[in-house]
Full PDB file with SEQRES, HELIX, SHEET, SSBOND, CRYST1, ORIGX, SCALE, CONECT and MASTER records, all heavy atoms in Angstrom:
SEQRES   1 A   37  THR ILE ILE ASP VAL PHE LYS SER GLY ALA ASP GLU TYR          
SEQRES   2 A   37  LEU TYR ASP LYS GLN SER ALA GLY ASP CYS ALA LYS SER          
SEQRES   3 A   37  ILE TYR GLY GLU MET LYS LYS LEU ALA ALA GLY                  
HELIX    1 AA1 ILE A    2  LEU A   14  1                                  13    
HELIX    2 AA2 ALA A   20  ALA A   36  1                                  17    
CRYST1    1.000    1.000    1.000  90.00  90.00  90.00 P 1           1          
ORIGX1      1.000000  0.000000  0.000000        0.00000                         
ORIGX2      0.000000  1.000000  0.000000        0.00000                         
ORIGX3      0.000000  0.000000  1.000000        0.00000                         
SCALE1      1.000000  0.000000  0.000000        0.00000                         
SCALE2      0.000000  1.000000  0.000000        0.00000                         
SCALE3      0.000000  0.000000  1.000000        0.00000                         
ATOM      1  N   THR A   1     216.022 104.334 -22.679  1.00  0.00           N  
ATOM      2  CA  THR A   1     215.887 105.468 -23.586  1.00  0.00           C  
ATOM      3  C   THR A   1     215.244 106.653 -22.884  1.00  0.00           C  
ATOM      4  O   THR A   1     215.680 107.803 -23.037  1.00  0.00           O  
ATOM      5  CB  THR A   1     215.053 105.078 -24.821  1.00  0.00           C  
ATOM      6  OG1 THR A   1     215.606 103.908 -25.421  1.00  0.00           O  
ATOM      7  CG2 THR A   1     215.049 106.194 -25.844  1.00  0.00           C  
ATOM      8  N   ILE A   2     214.220 106.384 -22.079  1.00  0.00           N  
ATOM      9  CA  ILE A   2     213.558 107.456 -21.332  1.00  0.00           C  
ATOM     10  C   ILE A   2     214.511 108.064 -20.311  1.00  0.00           C  
ATOM     11  O   ILE A   2     214.590 109.288 -20.156  1.00  0.00           O  
ATOM     12  CB  ILE A   2     212.285 106.921 -20.650  1.00  0.00           C  
ATOM     13  CG1 ILE A   2     211.213 106.613 -21.703  1.00  0.00           C  
ATOM     14  CG2 ILE A   2     211.752 107.911 -19.614  1.00  0.00           C  
ATOM     15  CD1 ILE A   2     209.962 105.968 -21.153  1.00  0.00           C  
ATOM     16  N   ILE A   3     215.250 107.204 -19.610  1.00  0.00           N  
ATOM     17  CA  ILE A   3     216.203 107.703 -18.612  1.00  0.00           C  
ATOM     18  C   ILE A   3     217.285 108.532 -19.284  1.00  0.00           C  
ATOM     19  O   ILE A   3     217.699 109.583 -18.760  1.00  0.00           O  
ATOM     20  CB  ILE A   3     216.817 106.537 -17.831  1.00  0.00           C  
ATOM     21  CG1 ILE A   3     215.741 105.808 -17.021  1.00  0.00           C  
ATOM     22  CG2 ILE A   3     217.926 107.021 -16.897  1.00  0.00           C  
ATOM     23  CD1 ILE A   3     216.220 104.537 -16.345  1.00  0.00           C  
ATOM     24  N   ASP A   4     217.741 108.094 -20.451  1.00  0.00           N  
ATOM     25  CA  ASP A   4     218.774 108.843 -21.177  1.00  0.00           C  
ATOM     26  C   ASP A   4     218.269 110.217 -21.595  1.00  0.00           C  
ATOM     27  O   ASP A   4     219.030 111.190 -21.590  1.00  0.00           O  
ATOM     28  CB  ASP A   4     219.223 108.066 -22.416  1.00  0.00           C  
ATOM     29  CG  ASP A   4     220.172 106.923 -22.077  1.00  0.00           C  
ATOM     30  OD1 ASP A   4     220.771 106.964 -20.984  1.00  0.00           O  
ATOM     31  OD2 ASP A   4     220.310 105.996 -22.898  1.00  0.00           O  
ATOM     32  N   VAL A   5     217.001 110.293 -21.972  1.00  0.00           N  
ATOM     33  CA  VAL A   5     216.416 111.586 -22.348  1.00  0.00           C  
ATOM     34  C   VAL A   5     216.450 112.541 -21.154  1.00  0.00           C  
ATOM     35  O   VAL A   5     216.834 113.707 -21.278  1.00  0.00           O  
ATOM     36  CB  VAL A   5     214.966 111.408 -22.851  1.00  0.00           C  
ATOM     37  CG1 VAL A   5     214.220 112.743 -22.873  1.00  0.00           C  
ATOM     38  CG2 VAL A   5     214.972 110.788 -24.240  1.00  0.00           C  
ATOM     39  N   PHE A   6     216.059 112.041 -19.980  1.00  0.00           N  
ATOM     40  CA  PHE A   6     216.077 112.895 -18.785  1.00  0.00           C  
ATOM     41  C   PHE A   6     217.508 113.289 -18.431  1.00  0.00           C  
ATOM     42  O   PHE A   6     217.797 114.464 -18.155  1.00  0.00           O  
ATOM     43  CB  PHE A   6     215.423 112.181 -17.605  1.00  0.00           C  
ATOM     44  CG  PHE A   6     215.354 113.032 -16.363  1.00  0.00           C  
ATOM     45  CD1 PHE A   6     214.289 113.904 -16.174  1.00  0.00           C  
ATOM     46  CD2 PHE A   6     216.350 112.980 -15.406  1.00  0.00           C  
ATOM     47  CE1 PHE A   6     214.225 114.709 -15.038  1.00  0.00           C  
ATOM     48  CE2 PHE A   6     216.302 113.781 -14.267  1.00  0.00           C  
ATOM     49  CZ  PHE A   6     215.233 114.654 -14.088  1.00  0.00           C  
ATOM     50  N   LYS A   7     218.415 112.321 -18.447  1.00  0.00           N  
ATOM     51  CA  LYS A   7     219.802 112.574 -18.060  1.00  0.00           C  
ATOM     52  C   LYS A   7     220.492 113.556 -19.018  1.00  0.00           C  
ATOM     53  O   LYS A   7     221.126 114.531 -18.587  1.00  0.00           O  
ATOM     54  CB  LYS A   7     220.563 111.246 -18.034  1.00  0.00           C  
ATOM     55  CG  LYS A   7     222.078 111.329 -18.017  1.00  0.00           C  
ATOM     56  CD  LYS A   7     222.648 111.903 -16.739  1.00  0.00           C  
ATOM     57  CE  LYS A   7     224.161 111.735 -16.666  1.00  0.00           C  
ATOM     58  NZ  LYS A   7     224.903 112.269 -17.810  1.00  0.00           N  
ATOM     59  N   SER A   8     220.385 113.319 -20.317  1.00  0.00           N  
ATOM     60  CA  SER A   8     221.050 114.197 -21.285  1.00  0.00           C  
ATOM     61  C   SER A   8     220.435 115.590 -21.283  1.00  0.00           C  
ATOM     62  O   SER A   8     221.144 116.598 -21.412  1.00  0.00           O  
ATOM     63  CB  SER A   8     220.990 113.590 -22.685  1.00  0.00           C  
ATOM     64  OG  SER A   8     219.650 113.404 -23.110  1.00  0.00           O  
ATOM     65  N   GLY A   9     219.114 115.648 -21.107  1.00  0.00           N  
ATOM     66  CA  GLY A   9     218.460 116.958 -21.021  1.00  0.00           C  
ATOM     67  C   GLY A   9     218.878 117.704 -19.777  1.00  0.00           C  
ATOM     68  O   GLY A   9     219.131 118.919 -19.812  1.00  0.00           O  
ATOM     69  N   ALA A  10     218.969 116.984 -18.663  1.00  0.00           N  
ATOM     70  CA  ALA A  10     219.396 117.611 -17.407  1.00  0.00           C  
ATOM     71  C   ALA A  10     220.827 118.131 -17.513  1.00  0.00           C  
ATOM     72  O   ALA A  10     221.162 119.178 -16.950  1.00  0.00           O  
ATOM     73  CB  ALA A  10     219.288 116.592 -16.266  1.00  0.00           C  
ATOM     74  N   ASP A  11     221.682 117.416 -18.244  1.00  0.00           N  
ATOM     75  CA  ASP A  11     223.067 117.864 -18.426  1.00  0.00           C  
ATOM     76  C   ASP A  11     223.125 119.218 -19.122  1.00  0.00           C  
ATOM     77  O   ASP A  11     223.988 120.052 -18.811  1.00  0.00           O  
ATOM     78  CB  ASP A  11     223.857 116.837 -19.242  1.00  0.00           C  
ATOM     79  CG  ASP A  11     224.205 115.597 -18.435  1.00  0.00           C  
ATOM     80  OD1 ASP A  11     224.077 115.640 -17.193  1.00  0.00           O  
ATOM     81  OD2 ASP A  11     224.595 114.587 -19.050  1.00  0.00           O  
ATOM     82  N   GLU A  12     222.221 119.423 -20.064  1.00  0.00           N  
ATOM     83  CA  GLU A  12     222.173 120.715 -20.759  1.00  0.00           C  
ATOM     84  C   GLU A  12     221.925 121.850 -19.767  1.00  0.00           C  
ATOM     85  O   GLU A  12     222.495 122.933 -19.890  1.00  0.00           O  
ATOM     86  CB  GLU A  12     221.065 120.698 -21.816  1.00  0.00           C  
ATOM     87  CG  GLU A  12     221.294 119.745 -22.973  1.00  0.00           C  
ATOM     88  CD  GLU A  12     222.420 120.201 -23.882  1.00  0.00           C  
ATOM     89  OE1 GLU A  12     222.349 121.329 -24.394  1.00  0.00           O  
ATOM     90  OE2 GLU A  12     223.379 119.416 -24.065  1.00  0.00           O  
ATOM     91  N   TYR A  13     221.097 121.570 -18.792  1.00  0.00           N  
ATOM     92  CA  TYR A  13     220.789 122.564 -17.748  1.00  0.00           C  
ATOM     93  C   TYR A  13     221.930 122.667 -16.737  1.00  0.00           C  
ATOM     94  O   TYR A  13     222.349 123.767 -16.361  1.00  0.00           O  
ATOM     95  CB  TYR A  13     219.477 122.178 -17.068  1.00  0.00           C  
ATOM     96  CG  TYR A  13     219.157 122.955 -15.814  1.00  0.00           C  
ATOM     97  CD1 TYR A  13     219.203 124.345 -15.786  1.00  0.00           C  
ATOM     98  CD2 TYR A  13     218.768 122.288 -14.643  1.00  0.00           C  
ATOM     99  CE1 TYR A  13     218.895 125.061 -14.630  1.00  0.00           C  
ATOM    100  CE2 TYR A  13     218.461 122.990 -13.491  1.00  0.00           C  
ATOM    101  CZ  TYR A  13     218.530 124.370 -13.486  1.00  0.00           C  
ATOM    102  OH  TYR A  13     218.232 125.063 -12.344  1.00  0.00           O  
ATOM    103  N   LEU A  14     222.479 121.532 -16.322  1.00  0.00           N  
ATOM    104  CA  LEU A  14     223.542 121.531 -15.323  1.00  0.00           C  
ATOM    105  C   LEU A  14     224.775 122.285 -15.797  1.00  0.00           C  
ATOM    106  O   LEU A  14     225.446 122.965 -15.010  1.00  0.00           O  
ATOM    107  CB  LEU A  14     223.943 120.090 -14.975  1.00  0.00           C  
ATOM    108  CG  LEU A  14     222.929 119.239 -14.205  1.00  0.00           C  
ATOM    109  CD1 LEU A  14     223.456 117.823 -14.038  1.00  0.00           C  
ATOM    110  CD2 LEU A  14     222.647 119.851 -12.838  1.00  0.00           C  
ATOM    111  N   TYR A  15     225.062 122.167 -17.097  1.00  0.00           N  
ATOM    112  CA  TYR A  15     226.257 122.825 -17.643  1.00  0.00           C  
ATOM    113  C   TYR A  15     225.920 124.138 -18.342  1.00  0.00           C  
ATOM    114  O   TYR A  15     226.693 124.634 -19.159  1.00  0.00           O  
ATOM    115  CB  TYR A  15     226.983 121.871 -18.586  1.00  0.00           C  
ATOM    116  CG  TYR A  15     227.488 120.632 -17.863  1.00  0.00           C  
ATOM    117  CD1 TYR A  15     226.888 119.397 -18.073  1.00  0.00           C  
ATOM    118  CD2 TYR A  15     228.521 120.714 -16.941  1.00  0.00           C  
ATOM    119  CE1 TYR A  15     227.328 118.259 -17.387  1.00  0.00           C  
ATOM    120  CE2 TYR A  15     228.964 119.586 -16.251  1.00  0.00           C  
ATOM    121  CZ  TYR A  15     228.363 118.365 -16.481  1.00  0.00           C  
ATOM    122  OH  TYR A  15     228.804 117.263 -15.801  1.00  0.00           O  
ATOM    123  N   ASP A  16     224.734 124.672 -18.003  1.00  0.00           N  
ATOM    124  CA  ASP A  16     224.308 126.011 -18.459  1.00  0.00           C  
ATOM    125  C   ASP A  16     224.292 126.168 -19.980  1.00  0.00           C  
ATOM    126  O   ASP A  16     224.553 127.250 -20.513  1.00  0.00           O  
ATOM    127  CB  ASP A  16     225.213 127.085 -17.838  1.00  0.00           C  
ATOM    128  CG  ASP A  16     225.117 127.122 -16.319  1.00  0.00           C  
ATOM    129  OD1 ASP A  16     223.990 126.994 -15.810  1.00  0.00           O  
ATOM    130  OD2 ASP A  16     226.159 127.247 -15.660  1.00  0.00           O  
ATOM    131  N   LYS A  17     223.954 125.097 -20.676  1.00  0.00           N  
ATOM    132  CA  LYS A  17     223.824 125.177 -22.131  1.00  0.00           C  
ATOM    133  C   LYS A  17     222.410 125.565 -22.533  1.00  0.00           C  
ATOM    134  O   LYS A  17     222.177 126.027 -23.650  1.00  0.00           O  
ATOM    135  CB  LYS A  17     224.201 123.839 -22.765  1.00  0.00           C  
ATOM    136  CG  LYS A  17     225.676 123.486 -22.619  1.00  0.00           C  
ATOM    137  CD  LYS A  17     225.995 122.173 -23.314  1.00  0.00           C  
ATOM    138  CE  LYS A  17     227.482 121.836 -23.196  1.00  0.00           C  
ATOM    139  NZ  LYS A  17     227.812 120.548 -23.865  1.00  0.00           N  
ATOM    140  N   GLN A  18     221.457 125.302 -21.616  1.00  0.00           N  
ATOM    141  CA  GLN A  18     220.070 125.673 -21.842  1.00  0.00           C  
ATOM    142  C   GLN A  18     219.455 126.098 -20.516  1.00  0.00           C  
ATOM    143  O   GLN A  18     219.930 125.694 -19.446  1.00  0.00           O  
ATOM    144  CB  GLN A  18     219.256 124.493 -22.398  1.00  0.00           C  
ATOM    145  CG  GLN A  18     219.298 124.350 -23.903  1.00  0.00           C  
ATOM    146  CD  GLN A  18     218.270 123.323 -24.387  1.00  0.00           C  
ATOM    147  OE1 GLN A  18     218.134 122.248 -23.832  1.00  0.00           O  
ATOM    148  NE2 GLN A  18     217.538 123.675 -25.439  1.00  0.00           N  
ATOM    149  N   SER A  19     218.400 126.859 -20.598  1.00  0.00           N  
ATOM    150  CA  SER A  19     217.699 127.242 -19.375  1.00  0.00           C  
ATOM    151  C   SER A  19     216.912 126.049 -18.846  1.00  0.00           C  
ATOM    152  O   SER A  19     216.636 125.092 -19.581  1.00  0.00           O  
ATOM    153  CB  SER A  19     216.734 128.400 -19.663  1.00  0.00           C  
ATOM    154  OG  SER A  19     215.666 127.958 -20.501  1.00  0.00           O  
ATOM    155  N   ALA A  20     216.556 126.122 -17.578  1.00  0.00           N  
ATOM    156  CA  ALA A  20     215.783 125.046 -16.971  1.00  0.00           C  
ATOM    157  C   ALA A  20     214.456 124.855 -17.703  1.00  0.00           C  
ATOM    158  O   ALA A  20     214.011 123.732 -17.945  1.00  0.00           O  
ATOM    159  CB  ALA A  20     215.546 125.335 -15.492  1.00  0.00           C  
ATOM    160  N   GLY A  21     213.833 125.982 -18.070  1.00  0.00           N  
ATOM    161  CA  GLY A  21     212.547 125.920 -18.754  1.00  0.00           C  
ATOM    162  C   GLY A  21     212.637 125.254 -20.114  1.00  0.00           C  
ATOM    163  O   GLY A  21     211.793 124.416 -20.472  1.00  0.00           O  
ATOM    164  N   ASP A  22     213.651 125.618 -20.893  1.00  0.00           N  
ATOM    165  CA  ASP A  22     213.820 125.026 -22.222  1.00  0.00           C  
ATOM    166  C   ASP A  22     214.126 123.532 -22.117  1.00  0.00           C  
ATOM    167  O   ASP A  22     213.621 122.721 -22.900  1.00  0.00           O  
ATOM    168  CB  ASP A  22     214.952 125.745 -22.970  1.00  0.00           C  
ATOM    169  CG  ASP A  22     214.553 127.140 -23.428  1.00  0.00           C  
ATOM    170  OD1 ASP A  22     213.343 127.420 -23.462  1.00  0.00           O  
ATOM    171  OD2 ASP A  22     215.460 127.934 -23.745  1.00  0.00           O  
ATOM    172  N   CYS A  23     214.954 123.176 -21.139  1.00  0.00           N  
ATOM    173  CA  CYS A  23     215.285 121.760 -20.944  1.00  0.00           C  
ATOM    174  C   CYS A  23     214.048 120.966 -20.543  1.00  0.00           C  
ATOM    175  O   CYS A  23     213.813 119.867 -21.043  1.00  0.00           O  
ATOM    176  CB  CYS A  23     216.363 121.609 -19.864  1.00  0.00           C  
ATOM    177  SG  CYS A  23     218.023 121.986 -20.443  1.00  0.00           S  
ATOM    178  N   ALA A  24     213.274 121.521 -19.637  1.00  0.00           N  
ATOM    179  CA  ALA A  24     212.066 120.842 -19.177  1.00  0.00           C  
ATOM    180  C   ALA A  24     211.099 120.618 -20.331  1.00  0.00           C  
ATOM    181  O   ALA A  24     210.502 119.533 -20.458  1.00  0.00           O  
ATOM    182  CB  ALA A  24     211.397 121.651 -18.077  1.00  0.00           C  
ATOM    183  N   LYS A  25     210.959 121.613 -21.183  1.00  0.00           N  
ATOM    184  CA  LYS A  25     210.056 121.495 -22.331  1.00  0.00           C  
ATOM    185  C   LYS A  25     210.520 120.390 -23.273  1.00  0.00           C  
ATOM    186  O   LYS A  25     209.713 119.571 -23.732  1.00  0.00           O  
ATOM    187  CB  LYS A  25     210.001 122.831 -23.073  1.00  0.00           C  
ATOM    188  CG  LYS A  25     209.040 122.836 -24.252  1.00  0.00           C  
ATOM    189  CD  LYS A  25     208.975 124.217 -24.889  1.00  0.00           C  
ATOM    190  CE  LYS A  25     207.979 124.241 -26.052  1.00  0.00           C  
ATOM    191  NZ  LYS A  25     207.890 125.599 -26.669  1.00  0.00           N  
ATOM    192  N   SER A  26     211.825 120.377 -23.561  1.00  0.00           N  
ATOM    193  CA  SER A  26     212.374 119.375 -24.464  1.00  0.00           C  
ATOM    194  C   SER A  26     212.249 117.964 -23.876  1.00  0.00           C  
ATOM    195  O   SER A  26     211.830 117.023 -24.553  1.00  0.00           O  
ATOM    196  CB  SER A  26     213.844 119.690 -24.752  1.00  0.00           C  
ATOM    197  OG  SER A  26     214.432 118.683 -25.539  1.00  0.00           O  
ATOM    198  N   ILE A  27     212.619 117.828 -22.609  1.00  0.00           N  
ATOM    199  CA  ILE A  27     212.549 116.522 -21.944  1.00  0.00           C  
ATOM    200  C   ILE A  27     211.114 116.011 -21.900  1.00  0.00           C  
ATOM    201  O   ILE A  27     210.845 114.844 -22.195  1.00  0.00           O  
ATOM    202  CB  ILE A  27     213.119 116.605 -20.516  1.00  0.00           C  
ATOM    203  CG1 ILE A  27     214.634 116.843 -20.560  1.00  0.00           C  
ATOM    204  CG2 ILE A  27     212.819 115.332 -19.722  1.00  0.00           C  
ATOM    205  CD1 ILE A  27     215.242 117.149 -19.209  1.00  0.00           C  
ATOM    206  N   TYR A  28     210.211 116.886 -21.543  1.00  0.00           N  
ATOM    207  CA  TYR A  28     208.805 116.493 -21.433  1.00  0.00           C  
ATOM    208  C   TYR A  28     208.268 115.966 -22.769  1.00  0.00           C  
ATOM    209  O   TYR A  28     207.633 114.898 -22.824  1.00  0.00           O  
ATOM    210  CB  TYR A  28     207.960 117.678 -20.970  1.00  0.00           C  
ATOM    211  CG  TYR A  28     206.471 117.405 -21.013  1.00  0.00           C  
ATOM    212  CD1 TYR A  28     205.875 116.553 -20.089  1.00  0.00           C  
ATOM    213  CD2 TYR A  28     205.669 117.983 -22.003  1.00  0.00           C  
ATOM    214  CE1 TYR A  28     204.515 116.284 -20.143  1.00  0.00           C  
ATOM    215  CE2 TYR A  28     204.307 117.725 -22.054  1.00  0.00           C  
ATOM    216  CZ  TYR A  28     203.732 116.871 -21.128  1.00  0.00           C  
ATOM    217  OH  TYR A  28     202.398 116.604 -21.186  1.00  0.00           O  
ATOM    218  N   GLY A  29     208.552 116.685 -23.863  1.00  0.00           N  
ATOM    219  CA  GLY A  29     208.060 116.271 -25.171  1.00  0.00           C  
ATOM    220  C   GLY A  29     208.589 114.906 -25.585  1.00  0.00           C  
ATOM    221  O   GLY A  29     207.834 114.046 -26.058  1.00  0.00           O  
ATOM    222  N   GLU A  30     209.891 114.690 -25.381  1.00  0.00           N  
ATOM    223  CA  GLU A  30     210.497 113.413 -25.781  1.00  0.00           C  
ATOM    224  C   GLU A  30     210.029 112.265 -24.885  1.00  0.00           C  
ATOM    225  O   GLU A  30     209.728 111.170 -25.367  1.00  0.00           O  
ATOM    226  CB  GLU A  30     212.015 113.528 -25.746  1.00  0.00           C  
ATOM    227  CG  GLU A  30     212.597 114.421 -26.839  1.00  0.00           C  
ATOM    228  CD  GLU A  30     214.116 114.351 -26.879  1.00  0.00           C  
ATOM    229  OE1 GLU A  30     214.634 113.245 -27.104  1.00  0.00           O  
ATOM    230  OE2 GLU A  30     214.768 115.391 -26.660  1.00  0.00           O  
ATOM    231  N   MET A  31     209.987 112.515 -23.577  1.00  0.00           N  
ATOM    232  CA  MET A  31     209.565 111.464 -22.658  1.00  0.00           C  
ATOM    233  C   MET A  31     208.122 111.056 -22.895  1.00  0.00           C  
ATOM    234  O   MET A  31     207.774 109.872 -22.833  1.00  0.00           O  
ATOM    235  CB  MET A  31     209.747 111.916 -21.205  1.00  0.00           C  
ATOM    236  CG  MET A  31     211.179 111.833 -20.712  1.00  0.00           C  
ATOM    237  SD  MET A  31     211.393 112.395 -18.988  1.00  0.00           S  
ATOM    238  CE  MET A  31     210.302 111.284 -18.105  1.00  0.00           C  
ATOM    239  N   LYS A  32     207.273 112.018 -23.208  1.00  0.00           N  
ATOM    240  CA  LYS A  32     205.861 111.723 -23.437  1.00  0.00           C  
ATOM    241  C   LYS A  32     205.687 110.810 -24.655  1.00  0.00           C  
ATOM    242  O   LYS A  32     204.919 109.840 -24.620  1.00  0.00           O  
ATOM    243  CB  LYS A  32     205.081 113.009 -23.636  1.00  0.00           C  
ATOM    244  CG  LYS A  32     203.574 112.816 -23.744  1.00  0.00           C  
ATOM    245  CD  LYS A  32     202.831 114.145 -23.801  1.00  0.00           C  
ATOM    246  CE  LYS A  32     201.327 113.930 -23.855  1.00  0.00           C  
ATOM    247  NZ  LYS A  32     200.589 115.217 -23.914  1.00  0.00           N  
ATOM    248  N   LYS A  33     206.432 111.108 -25.711  1.00  0.00           N  
ATOM    249  CA  LYS A  33     206.345 110.287 -26.936  1.00  0.00           C  
ATOM    250  C   LYS A  33     206.873 108.873 -26.665  1.00  0.00           C  
ATOM    251  O   LYS A  33     206.260 107.884 -27.087  1.00  0.00           O  
ATOM    252  CB  LYS A  33     207.143 110.941 -28.062  1.00  0.00           C  
ATOM    253  CG  LYS A  33     206.538 112.224 -28.603  1.00  0.00           C  
ATOM    254  CD  LYS A  33     207.438 112.810 -29.682  1.00  0.00           C  
ATOM    255  CE  LYS A  33     206.879 114.144 -30.190  1.00  0.00           C  
ATOM    256  NZ  LYS A  33     207.791 114.769 -31.202  1.00  0.00           N  
ATOM    257  N   LEU A  34     208.014 108.799 -26.003  1.00  0.00           N  
ATOM    258  CA  LEU A  34     208.610 107.496 -25.741  1.00  0.00           C  
ATOM    259  C   LEU A  34     207.733 106.644 -24.826  1.00  0.00           C  
ATOM    260  O   LEU A  34     207.562 105.447 -25.061  1.00  0.00           O  
ATOM    261  CB  LEU A  34     209.992 107.669 -25.098  1.00  0.00           C  
ATOM    262  CG  LEU A  34     211.095 108.168 -26.033  1.00  0.00           C  
ATOM    263  CD1 LEU A  34     212.313 108.590 -25.227  1.00  0.00           C  
ATOM    264  CD2 LEU A  34     211.471 107.077 -27.032  1.00  0.00           C  
ATOM    265  N   ALA A  35     207.184 107.261 -23.797  1.00  0.00           N  
ATOM    266  CA  ALA A  35     206.341 106.522 -22.858  1.00  0.00           C  
ATOM    267  C   ALA A  35     205.073 106.021 -23.543  1.00  0.00           C  
ATOM    268  O   ALA A  35     204.634 104.891 -23.313  1.00  0.00           O  
ATOM    269  CB  ALA A  35     205.984 107.397 -21.657  1.00  0.00           C  
ATOM    270  N   ALA A  36     204.509 106.810 -24.419  1.00  0.00           N  
ATOM    271  CA  ALA A  36     203.316 106.384 -25.148  1.00  0.00           C  
ATOM    272  C   ALA A  36     203.667 105.307 -26.155  1.00  0.00           C  
ATOM    273  O   ALA A  36     202.908 104.351 -26.361  1.00  0.00           O  
ATOM    274  CB  ALA A  36     202.695 107.579 -25.859  1.00  0.00           C  
ATOM    275  N   GLY A  37     204.847 105.436 -26.764  1.00  0.00           N  
ATOM    276  CA  GLY A  37     205.286 104.469 -27.765  1.00  0.00           C  
ATOM    277  C   GLY A  37     205.479 103.086 -27.205  1.00  0.00           C  
ATOM    278  O   GLY A  37     205.314 102.085 -27.907  1.00  0.00           O  
TER     279      GLY A  37                                                      
MASTER        0    0    0    2    0    0    0    6  278    1    0    3          
END                                                                             
């Protein structure tokens, strides 16, 4: 699940659907919750 969050978020950046900064923010928030969970 954590890997999927990074991969799907990175795809948003790779295909120019989101900026690197927005993707990083989204990925960080989700990964932090999942890792703590």
